[in-house]
Amino acid sequence: MDTRQLRTLMAIAEYGTFARAAREVNLTPSAVSQQILALEQELDTPLFNRETRPPSLNLHGLKLLETAKKILGLVEETRISLKGSRISSSLSIGSVRTSTIGLLPRAIVALRQTYPELHVDLRVGMSSALLRDINAGRLDLAVVAEPANAPRNLSWSPFLREPLVVIAPPGTPTMAAEELLESLPFVHFTSDVSLAVLIDNELTHQGIKVKHIAEIDTIPAIVECVAAGLGASVVPDIAVRENGRDMLKLPFGKPQIYRQIGTVQRANSAKSELLIAMHNKLAELSGEFGVFL
């Protein structure tokens, strides 16, 4: 048994077929089949149910899959520890399209002051895809809202708990948030993310009937529309904290509604020191709403 076989096994579990796994591990499908056959012969037990198409992991295969994740984690941890106390490593980080994404570059730059040899690979994607990549080991950490159905081997911790606010164009007279939302055209955040659901649920809960003028799927674009005078909206506080442009800002919700953004990683990750440092740097940059580990 070697780590190449275990990585191949994990790729099959992630992608569902030998052919897709072969592309991921840069082998031919026949080479993948040979690796799995050799692994089964060494363990003297079948790992796949070959009566199904495509073949699926049986109970022995699923048990080995969990062991493989632990072994590969230990291999990475050993590799890092053998380099000595000075950390020279890499982090693969993913993030959803959130108003907090601007914190990530600042956190990375700050972290490099402590770990100058650190290399970071950053990409943006959908929450579901990022969770799959964390689980498969292709990402070390992702910035996402609290996932509803995360695998048990993943750990999510909030670094930001901030209020939602009603915003209106500069010069808008002060009035109750409910009155403002019903009197001005409403710039609606339309997306399948949890923040949009949170806003819509509270509008329904309060019985606020808004008059839609636009449906936009990014918070920065909503802020621009409101600043230009198009109407009112509801956004996270961070979206207007540093550059509110004299817009009217009021608490949203009774009681005020908060949203949370956090980091998700594999439990017992070999890079836990770096991941905790990144989480706490994001919390520090979040100001009064930061949540530290």
C-alpha atoms as a PDB file:
ATOM      1  CA  MET A   1       0.000   0.000   0.000  1.00  0.00           C
ATOM      2  CA  ASP A   2       1.339   3.446  -0.893  1.00  0.00           C
ATOM      3  CA  THR A   3       0.056   7.015  -0.838  1.00  0.00           C
ATOM      4  CA  ARG A   4      -0.543   7.052  -4.604  1.00  0.00           C
ATOM      5  CA  GLN A   5      -3.046   4.219  -4.269  1.00  0.00           C
ATOM      6  CA  LEU A   6      -4.781   6.004  -1.392  1.00  0.00           C
ATOM      7  CA  ARG A   7      -5.008   9.274  -3.342  1.00  0.00           C
ATOM      8  CA  THR A   8      -6.508   7.360  -6.241  1.00  0.00           C
ATOM      9  CA  LEU A   9      -9.063   5.745  -3.926  1.00  0.00           C
ATOM     10  CA  MET A  10     -10.052   9.185  -2.608  1.00  0.00           C
ATOM     11  CA  ALA A  11     -10.397  10.513  -6.165  1.00  0.00           C
ATOM     12  CA  ILE A  12     -12.727   7.648  -7.129  1.00  0.00           C
ATOM     13  CA  ALA A  13     -14.865   8.318  -4.056  1.00  0.00           C
ATOM     14  CA  GLU A  14     -15.017  12.027  -4.921  1.00  0.00           C
ATOM     15  CA  TYR A  15     -15.654  11.809  -8.677  1.00  0.00           C
ATOM     16  CA  GLY A  16     -17.729   8.651  -8.783  1.00  0.00           C
ATOM     17  CA  THR A  17     -16.019   6.782 -11.627  1.00  0.00           C
ATOM     18  CA  PHE A  18     -12.597   5.360 -12.412  1.00  0.00           C
ATOM     19  CA  ALA A  19     -12.423   7.433 -15.610  1.00  0.00           C
ATOM     20  CA  ARG A  20     -13.063  10.766 -13.860  1.00  0.00           C
ATOM     21  CA  ALA A  21     -10.658   9.854 -11.071  1.00  0.00           C
ATOM     22  CA  ALA A  22      -8.005   9.007 -13.667  1.00  0.00           C
ATOM     23  CA  ARG A  23      -8.143  12.548 -15.047  1.00  0.00           C
ATOM     24  CA  GLU A  24      -7.815  13.989 -11.550  1.00  0.00           C
ATOM     25  CA  VAL A  25      -4.707  11.936 -10.620  1.00  0.00           C
ATOM     26  CA  ASN A  26      -3.185  12.185 -14.128  1.00  0.00           C
ATOM     27  CA  LEU A  27      -3.351   8.455 -14.907  1.00  0.00           C
ATOM     28  CA  THR A  28      -5.074   6.362 -17.534  1.00  0.00           C
ATOM     29  CA  PRO A  29      -8.269   4.535 -16.517  1.00  0.00           C
ATOM     30  CA  SER A  30      -6.452   1.219 -16.910  1.00  0.00           C
ATOM     31  CA  ALA A  31      -3.667   2.390 -14.571  1.00  0.00           C
ATOM     32  CA  VAL A  32      -6.285   3.382 -11.990  1.00  0.00           C
ATOM     33  CA  SER A  33      -7.896  -0.059 -12.275  1.00  0.00           C
ATOM     34  CA  GLN A  34      -4.492  -1.706 -11.822  1.00  0.00           C
ATOM     35  CA  GLN A  35      -3.769   0.375  -8.725  1.00  0.00           C
ATOM     36  CA  ILE A  36      -7.091  -0.588  -7.135  1.00  0.00           C
ATOM     37  CA  LEU A  37      -6.673  -4.252  -8.071  1.00  0.00           C
ATOM     38  CA  ALA A  38      -3.190  -4.307  -6.504  1.00  0.00           C
ATOM     39  CA  LEU A  39      -4.583  -2.656  -3.371  1.00  0.00           C
ATOM     40  CA  GLU A  40      -7.368  -5.230  -3.105  1.00  0.00           C
ATOM     41  CA  GLN A  41      -4.900  -8.091  -3.601  1.00  0.00           C
ATOM     42  CA  GLU A  42      -2.595  -6.717  -0.907  1.00  0.00           C
ATOM     43  CA  LEU A  43      -5.477  -6.341   1.559  1.00  0.00           C
ATOM     44  CA  ASP A  44      -7.006  -9.635   0.428  1.00  0.00           C
ATOM     45  CA  THR A  45     -10.485  -8.119   0.254  1.00  0.00           C
ATOM     46  CA  PRO A  46     -12.624  -6.425  -2.410  1.00  0.00           C
ATOM     47  CA  LEU A  47     -13.134  -2.704  -1.940  1.00  0.00           C
ATOM     48  CA  PHE A  48     -15.807  -2.120  -4.580  1.00  0.00           C
ATOM     49  CA  ASN A  49     -19.208  -3.488  -5.411  1.00  0.00           C
ATOM     50  CA  ARG A  50     -18.717  -4.325  -9.084  1.00  0.00           C
ATOM     51  CA  GLU A  51     -22.291  -5.423  -9.628  1.00  0.00           C
ATOM     52  CA  THR A  52     -23.252  -1.755  -9.931  1.00  0.00           C
ATOM     53  CA  ARG A  53     -22.304   0.538 -12.782  1.00  0.00           C
ATOM     54  CA  PRO A  54     -20.187   2.432 -12.092  1.00  0.00           C
ATOM     55  CA  PRO A  55     -18.616   0.326  -9.309  1.00  0.00           C
ATOM     56  CA  SER A  56     -19.217   1.752  -5.846  1.00  0.00           C
ATOM     57  CA  LEU A  57     -17.261   1.450  -2.611  1.00  0.00           C
ATOM     58  CA  ASN A  58     -18.445  -1.360  -0.356  1.00  0.00           C
ATOM     59  CA  LEU A  59     -18.204  -1.279   3.444  1.00  0.00           C
ATOM     60  CA  HIS A  60     -14.518  -2.310   3.365  1.00  0.00           C
ATOM     61  CA  GLY A  61     -13.821   0.417   0.810  1.00  0.00           C
ATOM     62  CA  LEU A  62     -15.600   3.065   2.848  1.00  0.00           C
ATOM     63  CA  LYS A  63     -13.636   2.068   5.936  1.00  0.00           C
ATOM     64  CA  LEU A  64     -10.363   2.263   4.016  1.00  0.00           C
ATOM     65  CA  LEU A  65     -11.390   5.668   2.636  1.00  0.00           C
ATOM     66  CA  GLU A  66     -11.590   7.127   6.150  1.00  0.00           C
ATOM     67  CA  THR A  67      -8.222   5.566   7.000  1.00  0.00           C
ATOM     68  CA  ALA A  68      -6.715   6.960   3.786  1.00  0.00           C
ATOM     69  CA  LYS A  69      -7.723  10.514   4.742  1.00  0.00           C
ATOM     70  CA  LYS A  70      -6.021  10.121   8.128  1.00  0.00           C
ATOM     71  CA  ILE A  71      -2.864   8.587   6.621  1.00  0.00           C
ATOM     72  CA  LEU A  72      -2.465  11.288   3.983  1.00  0.00           C
ATOM     73  CA  GLY A  73      -3.011  13.948   6.640  1.00  0.00           C
ATOM     74  CA  LEU A  74      -0.262  12.428   8.779  1.00  0.00           C
ATOM     75  CA  VAL A  75       2.054  12.287   5.761  1.00  0.00           C
ATOM     76  CA  GLU A  76       1.556  16.003   5.156  1.00  0.00           C
ATOM     77  CA  GLU A  77       2.014  16.801   8.849  1.00  0.00           C
ATOM     78  CA  THR A  78       5.260  14.809   8.906  1.00  0.00           C
ATOM     79  CA  ARG A  79       6.509  16.549   5.792  1.00  0.00           C
ATOM     80  CA  ILE A  80       5.940  19.929   7.406  1.00  0.00           C
ATOM     81  CA  SER A  81       7.436  18.979  10.784  1.00  0.00           C
ATOM     82  CA  LEU A  82      10.637  17.628   9.207  1.00  0.00           C
ATOM     83  CA  LYS A  83      11.322  21.088   7.818  1.00  0.00           C
ATOM     84  CA  GLY A  84      11.834  22.369  11.348  1.00  0.00           C
ATOM     85  CA  SER A  85      10.121  25.022  13.391  1.00  0.00           C
ATOM     86  CA  ARG A  86      10.137  27.566  10.579  1.00  0.00           C
ATOM     87  CA  ILE A  87       6.977  26.936   8.587  1.00  0.00           C
ATOM     88  CA  SER A  88       7.473  26.747   4.850  1.00  0.00           C
ATOM     89  CA  SER A  89       4.205  25.570   3.388  1.00  0.00           C
ATOM     90  CA  SER A  90       1.274  26.416   1.161  1.00  0.00           C
ATOM     91  CA  LEU A  91      -2.401  27.078   1.724  1.00  0.00           C
ATOM     92  CA  SER A  92      -5.136  26.536  -0.831  1.00  0.00           C
ATOM     93  CA  ILE A  93      -8.014  28.827   0.081  1.00  0.00           C
ATOM     94  CA  GLY A  94     -11.449  29.175  -1.456  1.00  0.00           C
ATOM     95  CA  SER A  95     -14.172  31.742  -0.868  1.00  0.00           C
ATOM     96  CA  VAL A  96     -17.748  32.348  -1.868  1.00  0.00           C
ATOM     97  CA  ARG A  97     -18.635  35.679  -3.465  1.00  0.00           C
ATOM     98  CA  THR A  98     -19.296  37.609  -0.284  1.00  0.00           C
ATOM     99  CA  SER A  99     -18.906  41.201   0.847  1.00  0.00           C
ATOM    100  CA  THR A 100     -16.183  39.936   3.208  1.00  0.00           C
ATOM    101  CA  ILE A 101     -13.996  38.669   0.358  1.00  0.00           C
ATOM    102  CA  GLY A 102     -12.020  41.916   0.524  1.00  0.00           C
ATOM    103  CA  LEU A 103     -10.694  40.811   3.918  1.00  0.00           C
ATOM    104  CA  LEU A 104      -8.897  37.789   2.450  1.00  0.00           C
ATOM    105  CA  PRO A 105      -6.098  39.577   0.546  1.00  0.00           C
ATOM    106  CA  ARG A 106      -5.407  41.742   3.603  1.00  0.00           C
ATOM    107  CA  ALA A 107      -5.329  38.673   5.853  1.00  0.00           C
ATOM    108  CA  ILE A 108      -2.950  36.862   3.494  1.00  0.00           C
ATOM    109  CA  VAL A 109      -0.561  39.816   3.354  1.00  0.00           C
ATOM    110  CA  ALA A 110      -0.628  40.119   7.160  1.00  0.00           C
ATOM    111  CA  LEU A 111      -0.047  36.381   7.627  1.00  0.00           C
ATOM    112  CA  ARG A 112       3.004  36.477   5.387  1.00  0.00           C
ATOM    113  CA  GLN A 113       4.630  38.892   7.819  1.00  0.00           C
ATOM    114  CA  THR A 114       4.618  36.043  10.350  1.00  0.00           C
ATOM    115  CA  TYR A 115       5.242  33.235   7.834  1.00  0.00           C
ATOM    116  CA  PRO A 116       7.352  34.823   5.061  1.00  0.00           C
ATOM    117  CA  GLU A 117       7.785  31.550   3.137  1.00  0.00           C
ATOM    118  CA  LEU A 118       4.057  30.877   2.971  1.00  0.00           C
ATOM    119  CA  HIS A 119       2.541  30.404  -0.494  1.00  0.00           C
ATOM    120  CA  VAL A 120      -1.216  30.959  -0.880  1.00  0.00           C
ATOM    121  CA  ASP A 121      -3.456  29.870  -3.754  1.00  0.00           C
ATOM    122  CA  LEU A 122      -6.799  31.702  -3.689  1.00  0.00           C
ATOM    123  CA  ARG A 123      -9.919  31.058  -5.752  1.00  0.00           C
ATOM    124  CA  VAL A 124     -13.616  31.918  -5.682  1.00  0.00           C
ATOM    125  CA  GLY A 125     -16.472  29.467  -6.158  1.00  0.00           C
ATOM    126  CA  MET A 126     -19.859  28.222  -5.013  1.00  0.00           C
ATOM    127  CA  SER A 127     -20.209  27.021  -1.443  1.00  0.00           C
ATOM    128  CA  SER A 128     -21.161  23.451  -2.399  1.00  0.00           C
ATOM    129  CA  ALA A 129     -18.145  23.086  -4.686  1.00  0.00           C
ATOM    130  CA  LEU A 130     -15.792  24.528  -2.066  1.00  0.00           C
ATOM    131  CA  LEU A 131     -17.047  22.055   0.552  1.00  0.00           C
ATOM    132  CA  ARG A 132     -16.440  19.171  -1.849  1.00  0.00           C
ATOM    133  CA  ASP A 133     -12.928  20.417  -2.505  1.00  0.00           C
ATOM    134  CA  ILE A 134     -12.198  20.731   1.231  1.00  0.00           C
ATOM    135  CA  ASN A 135     -13.476  17.204   1.815  1.00  0.00           C
ATOM    136  CA  ALA A 136     -11.374  15.816  -1.050  1.00  0.00           C
ATOM    137  CA  GLY A 137      -8.213  17.600   0.086  1.00  0.00           C
ATOM    138  CA  ARG A 138      -7.978  19.990  -2.881  1.00  0.00           C
ATOM    139  CA  LEU A 139      -8.531  22.993  -0.577  1.00  0.00           C
ATOM    140  CA  ASP A 140      -7.216  23.571   2.938  1.00  0.00           C
ATOM    141  CA  LEU A 141      -9.698  26.248   3.981  1.00  0.00           C
ATOM    142  CA  ALA A 142     -12.785  27.986   2.623  1.00  0.00           C
ATOM    143  CA  VAL A 143     -14.671  31.120   3.616  1.00  0.00           C
ATOM    144  CA  VAL A 144     -18.397  30.327   3.598  1.00  0.00           C
ATOM    145  CA  ALA A 145     -21.620  30.926   5.492  1.00  0.00           C
ATOM    146  CA  GLU A 146     -22.526  28.195   7.948  1.00  0.00           C
ATOM    147  CA  PRO A 147     -23.198  25.093   5.823  1.00  0.00           C
ATOM    148  CA  ALA A 148     -26.450  23.234   6.407  1.00  0.00           C
ATOM    149  CA  ASN A 149     -25.267  19.751   5.474  1.00  0.00           C
ATOM    150  CA  ALA A 150     -21.486  19.668   5.814  1.00  0.00           C
ATOM    151  CA  PRO A 151     -19.749  16.272   6.071  1.00  0.00           C
ATOM    152  CA  ARG A 152     -18.986  15.262   9.638  1.00  0.00           C
ATOM    153  CA  ASN A 153     -15.232  15.382   9.055  1.00  0.00           C
ATOM    154  CA  LEU A 154     -15.368  19.127   8.277  1.00  0.00           C
ATOM    155  CA  SER A 155     -15.231  21.831  10.935  1.00  0.00           C
ATOM    156  CA  TRP A 156     -16.848  25.281  10.483  1.00  0.00           C
ATOM    157  CA  SER A 157     -16.117  28.211  12.825  1.00  0.00           C
ATOM    158  CA  PRO A 158     -17.400  31.795  12.465  1.00  0.00           C
ATOM    159  CA  PHE A 159     -14.867  34.619  12.259  1.00  0.00           C
ATOM    160  CA  LEU A 160     -17.513  37.293  11.678  1.00  0.00           C
ATOM    161  CA  ARG A 161     -20.904  37.871  13.298  1.00  0.00           C
ATOM    162  CA  GLU A 162     -22.293  41.167  12.051  1.00  0.00           C
ATOM    163  CA  PRO A 163     -25.651  42.926  11.856  1.00  0.00           C
ATOM    164  CA  LEU A 164     -27.711  43.500   8.747  1.00  0.00           C
ATOM    165  CA  VAL A 165     -28.666  47.106   8.035  1.00  0.00           C
ATOM    166  CA  VAL A 166     -31.182  48.970   5.920  1.00  0.00           C
ATOM    167  CA  ILE A 167     -29.496  51.494   3.628  1.00  0.00           C
ATOM    168  CA  ALA A 168     -31.049  54.394   1.735  1.00  0.00           C
ATOM    169  CA  PRO A 169     -29.647  57.086  -0.613  1.00  0.00           C
ATOM    170  CA  PRO A 170     -27.823  60.104   0.851  1.00  0.00           C
ATOM    171  CA  GLY A 171     -30.225  62.786   1.986  1.00  0.00           C
ATOM    172  CA  THR A 172     -33.064  60.391   2.811  1.00  0.00           C
ATOM    173  CA  PRO A 173     -35.010  61.686   5.844  1.00  0.00           C
ATOM    174  CA  THR A 174     -34.694  59.580   8.976  1.00  0.00           C
ATOM    175  CA  MET A 175     -37.697  57.334   9.570  1.00  0.00           C
ATOM    176  CA  ALA A 176     -38.443  53.853  10.891  1.00  0.00           C
ATOM    177  CA  ALA A 177     -36.792  51.099   8.901  1.00  0.00           C
ATOM    178  CA  GLU A 178     -40.157  49.468   8.098  1.00  0.00           C
ATOM    179  CA  GLU A 179     -41.577  52.746   6.771  1.00  0.00           C
ATOM    180  CA  LEU A 180     -38.462  53.405   4.722  1.00  0.00           C
ATOM    181  CA  LEU A 181     -38.534  49.956   3.092  1.00  0.00           C
ATOM    182  CA  GLU A 182     -42.184  50.336   2.107  1.00  0.00           C
ATOM    183  CA  SER A 183     -41.902  53.923   0.872  1.00  0.00           C
ATOM    184  CA  LEU A 184     -38.795  53.647  -1.306  1.00  0.00           C
ATOM    185  CA  PRO A 185     -38.217  51.309  -4.265  1.00  0.00           C
ATOM    186  CA  PHE A 186     -36.431  48.157  -3.078  1.00  0.00           C
ATOM    187  CA  VAL A 187     -33.195  46.860  -4.577  1.00  0.00           C
ATOM    188  CA  HIS A 188     -33.560  43.124  -4.008  1.00  0.00           C
ATOM    189  CA  PHE A 189     -30.648  40.778  -3.322  1.00  0.00           C
ATOM    190  CA  THR A 190     -31.558  37.793  -5.464  1.00  0.00           C
ATOM    191  CA  SER A 191     -29.359  34.770  -4.936  1.00  0.00           C
ATOM    192  CA  ASP A 192     -29.529  31.192  -3.687  1.00  0.00           C
ATOM    193  CA  VAL A 193     -27.193  31.947  -0.770  1.00  0.00           C
ATOM    194  CA  SER A 194     -28.255  31.922   2.872  1.00  0.00           C
ATOM    195  CA  LEU A 195     -27.966  35.720   3.259  1.00  0.00           C
ATOM    196  CA  ALA A 196     -30.671  36.331   0.655  1.00  0.00           C
ATOM    197  CA  VAL A 197     -32.947  33.820   2.393  1.00  0.00           C
ATOM    198  CA  LEU A 198     -32.275  35.491   5.752  1.00  0.00           C
ATOM    199  CA  ILE A 199     -33.318  38.899   4.390  1.00  0.00           C
ATOM    200  CA  ASP A 200     -36.441  37.596   2.633  1.00  0.00           C
ATOM    201  CA  ASN A 201     -37.570  35.652   5.706  1.00  0.00           C
ATOM    202  CA  GLU A 202     -37.319  38.718   7.950  1.00  0.00           C
ATOM    203  CA  LEU A 203     -39.225  40.889   5.453  1.00  0.00           C
ATOM    204  CA  THR A 204     -41.981  38.269   5.450  1.00  0.00           C
ATOM    205  CA  HIS A 205     -41.876  37.923   9.247  1.00  0.00           C
ATOM    206  CA  GLN A 206     -42.404  41.670   9.710  1.00  0.00           C
ATOM    207  CA  GLY A 207     -45.045  41.827   6.987  1.00  0.00           C
ATOM    208  CA  ILE A 208     -43.056  44.464   5.074  1.00  0.00           C
ATOM    209  CA  LYS A 209     -44.306  44.818   1.505  1.00  0.00           C
ATOM    210  CA  VAL A 210     -41.548  46.187  -0.682  1.00  0.00           C
ATOM    211  CA  LYS A 211     -41.770  47.532  -4.231  1.00  0.00           C
ATOM    212  CA  HIS A 212     -39.035  45.865  -6.261  1.00  0.00           C
ATOM    213  CA  ILE A 213     -37.142  48.063  -8.680  1.00  0.00           C
ATOM    214  CA  ALA A 214     -34.143  45.825  -9.315  1.00  0.00           C
ATOM    215  CA  GLU A 215     -32.910  42.319  -8.619  1.00  0.00           C
ATOM    216  CA  ILE A 216     -29.141  42.094  -8.211  1.00  0.00           C
ATOM    217  CA  ASP A 217     -26.979  39.137  -7.190  1.00  0.00           C
ATOM    218  CA  THR A 218     -23.958  40.911  -5.638  1.00  0.00           C
ATOM    219  CA  ILE A 219     -23.853  43.090  -2.522  1.00  0.00           C
ATOM    220  CA  PRO A 220     -21.299  45.633  -3.875  1.00  0.00           C
ATOM    221  CA  ALA A 221     -23.549  46.289  -6.891  1.00  0.00           C
ATOM    222  CA  ILE A 222     -26.536  46.815  -4.572  1.00  0.00           C
ATOM    223  CA  VAL A 223     -24.564  49.374  -2.537  1.00  0.00           C
ATOM    224  CA  GLU A 224     -23.670  51.237  -5.758  1.00  0.00           C
ATOM    225  CA  CYS A 225     -27.338  51.322  -6.815  1.00  0.00           C
ATOM    226  CA  VAL A 226     -28.478  52.670  -3.453  1.00  0.00           C
ATOM    227  CA  ALA A 227     -25.692  55.265  -3.362  1.00  0.00           C
ATOM    228  CA  ALA A 228     -26.802  56.447  -6.810  1.00  0.00           C
ATOM    229  CA  GLY A 229     -30.367  56.993  -5.525  1.00  0.00           C
ATOM    230  CA  LEU A 230     -32.139  53.999  -7.098  1.00  0.00           C
ATOM    231  CA  GLY A 231     -33.816  52.934  -3.860  1.00  0.00           C
ATOM    232  CA  ALA A 232     -33.303  51.235  -0.498  1.00  0.00           C
ATOM    233  CA  SER A 233     -31.962  47.792   0.357  1.00  0.00           C
ATOM    234  CA  VAL A 234     -30.691  45.488   3.124  1.00  0.00           C
ATOM    235  CA  VAL A 235     -26.996  44.577   3.279  1.00  0.00           C
ATOM    236  CA  PRO A 236     -24.390  43.351   5.796  1.00  0.00           C
ATOM    237  CA  ASP A 237     -22.840  46.132   7.859  1.00  0.00           C
ATOM    238  CA  ILE A 238     -19.371  45.452   6.413  1.00  0.00           C
ATOM    239  CA  ALA A 239     -20.608  46.421   2.942  1.00  0.00           C
ATOM    240  CA  VAL A 240     -20.997  50.054   3.993  1.00  0.00           C
ATOM    241  CA  ARG A 241     -18.802  50.260   7.080  1.00  0.00           C
ATOM    242  CA  GLU A 242     -15.746  51.832   5.464  1.00  0.00           C
ATOM    243  CA  ASN A 243     -17.409  53.734   2.634  1.00  0.00           C
ATOM    244  CA  GLY A 244     -21.013  54.492   3.481  1.00  0.00           C
ATOM    245  CA  ARG A 245     -21.045  57.599   1.233  1.00  0.00           C
ATOM    246  CA  ASP A 246     -23.328  59.393   3.696  1.00  0.00           C
ATOM    247  CA  MET A 247     -26.129  56.884   3.072  1.00  0.00           C
ATOM    248  CA  LEU A 248     -28.806  56.536   5.724  1.00  0.00           C
ATOM    249  CA  LYS A 249     -28.171  53.338   7.712  1.00  0.00           C
ATOM    250  CA  LEU A 250     -30.705  51.742  10.080  1.00  0.00           C
ATOM    251  CA  PRO A 251     -30.851  48.425  11.985  1.00  0.00           C
ATOM    252  CA  PHE A 252     -32.732  45.656  10.164  1.00  0.00           C
ATOM    253  CA  GLY A 253     -34.961  43.220  12.006  1.00  0.00           C
ATOM    254  CA  LYS A 254     -36.807  42.953  15.312  1.00  0.00           C
ATOM    255  CA  PRO A 255     -34.582  42.030  17.055  1.00  0.00           C
ATOM    256  CA  GLN A 256     -31.782  43.078  14.732  1.00  0.00           C
ATOM    257  CA  ILE A 257     -30.747  40.258  12.394  1.00  0.00           C
ATOM    258  CA  TYR A 258     -27.140  39.044  12.298  1.00  0.00           C
ATOM    259  CA  ARG A 259     -25.354  36.930   9.728  1.00  0.00           C
ATOM    260  CA  GLN A 260     -22.255  34.797  10.226  1.00  0.00           C
ATOM    261  CA  ILE A 261     -19.343  34.053   7.908  1.00  0.00           C
ATOM    262  CA  GLY A 262     -16.723  31.517   8.882  1.00  0.00           C
ATOM    263  CA  THR A 263     -13.920  29.243   7.826  1.00  0.00           C
ATOM    264  CA  VAL A 264     -14.350  25.553   7.119  1.00  0.00           C
ATOM    265  CA  GLN A 265     -11.540  23.013   7.132  1.00  0.00           C
ATOM    266  CA  ARG A 266     -10.974  19.310   7.579  1.00  0.00           C
ATOM    267  CA  ALA A 267     -11.010  18.273  11.210  1.00  0.00           C
ATOM    268  CA  ASN A 268      -7.516  17.520  12.557  1.00  0.00           C
ATOM    269  CA  SER A 269      -5.873  19.154   9.527  1.00  0.00           C
ATOM    270  CA  ALA A 270      -2.084  18.866   9.383  1.00  0.00           C
ATOM    271  CA  LYS A 271      -1.966  22.617   8.734  1.00  0.00           C
ATOM    272  CA  SER A 272      -4.014  23.567  11.792  1.00  0.00           C
ATOM    273  CA  GLU A 273      -1.484  26.168  13.019  1.00  0.00           C
ATOM    274  CA  LEU A 274      -1.675  28.090   9.750  1.00  0.00           C
ATOM    275  CA  LEU A 275      -5.449  27.692   9.476  1.00  0.00           C
ATOM    276  CA  ILE A 276      -6.051  28.999  13.001  1.00  0.00           C
ATOM    277  CA  ALA A 277      -3.721  31.927  12.288  1.00  0.00           C
ATOM    278  CA  MET A 278      -5.652  32.734   9.094  1.00  0.00           C
ATOM    279  CA  HIS A 279      -9.012  32.499  10.894  1.00  0.00           C
ATOM    280  CA  ASN A 280      -7.893  34.821  13.687  1.00  0.00           C
ATOM    281  CA  LYS A 281      -6.406  37.306  11.236  1.00  0.00           C
ATOM    282  CA  LEU A 282      -9.773  37.449   9.442  1.00  0.00           C
ATOM    283  CA  ALA A 283     -11.467  37.956  12.832  1.00  0.00           C
ATOM    284  CA  GLU A 284      -9.040  40.777  13.679  1.00  0.00           C
ATOM    285  CA  LEU A 285      -9.755  42.514  10.365  1.00  0.00           C
ATOM    286  CA  SER A 286     -13.502  42.159  11.007  1.00  0.00           C
ATOM    287  CA  GLY A 287     -13.195  44.692  13.833  1.00  0.00           C
ATOM    288  CA  GLU A 288     -15.806  44.754  16.570  1.00  0.00           C
ATOM    289  CA  PHE A 289     -17.748  41.896  14.957  1.00  0.00           C
ATOM    290  CA  GLY A 290     -14.786  39.485  14.786  1.00  0.00           C
ATOM    291  CA  VAL A 291     -14.988  36.036  16.430  1.00  0.00           C
ATOM    292  CA  PHE A 292     -11.656  34.453  17.423  1.00  0.00           C
ATOM    293  CA  LEU A 293     -10.736  30.822  17.925  1.00  0.00           C
END
